[in-house]
Amino acid sequence: MTARVLRLVDARTGGVTSLGSPVTRLLIEPGADRVTALRAHVVADVVRRVVEVRKRRAVVTTRGVAVVAAQDLLAWNIAPPDADPDDVDPSARDVVIGVGTDIDQRTRCAVTVGPVRVADPAAGADPLAARLVLLETNHRDAVELSAGALSAAADRLADMRRRVAAWADRPSSAPPPDVVERFLTAVEDDLDLATALGVLDAAAGDPAVPDGAKFELLAYADRVLALDLARDIGRASS
């Protein structure tokens, strides 16, 4: 069955909440740790993006003192939070994304992000490589942004960008609808981004999929992933 709504597991009950209304309101409870707060912002950003891909609207706001600087949000391809409208009760949101905080029972769904440990990160690491590490890991699980993890993610990201740049020169072709739907279905299944990335990997290595279709597929998927996969188009090969 084709998935048409985002489904998130509620951290309070373990039940599944379906989000298919015209407007989805998200509140980020960032906590005090900057890197884990960045992860909460990444999760909210993915939710916003997949909601918008499905032609609906998402409003993302934060509570408390901001612990993530605006330039960090920009570097991680995260849109700045929306202004908090006066007519919306901060405790009555569709989704609250935070770090084990108490959630008002009027909130439809609570999403908890696992802690992030930074262990000797590579100097000058691409923030989008760190974003990829987070996307590859279930948002509830603890994750370590080690030098090794960041280096592997940077290599994977460089390979994806290199392929996209090469495919951009091929005749354009629509991405396979079934592959697009499998990608979105995985994302919409409680943000199963590891499976979604696997769908893209399989399509990228499938000789039956034209290169032009692979380009369009990755460009479409990047509307959710926000990894700047088309960044190297037009750059001279080294």
Foldseek 3Di string as FASTA:
>chain_A
DFDLWFWAQFPVPRDIDTDDDQEAEEEEAQPQDAVSSVLLQLVVQLVQLLCVLSVGGYAYYYDDDDPYDPVLCVLQVGDDHDDDDPVDDPLQGQEYEYAPDDHRPNHNGYHHFAAEAEDDADPPQRSLLVLVQSLLDQRNDYYYRYNVSSVVSVVVLVVLLVLLQVLVPPDADAADPVLLSQLSVCCSHNHNSNVSVVSLVVLSPDPVTRSNNNNNSVVSVCSSSVSPSPVCHPPDDD
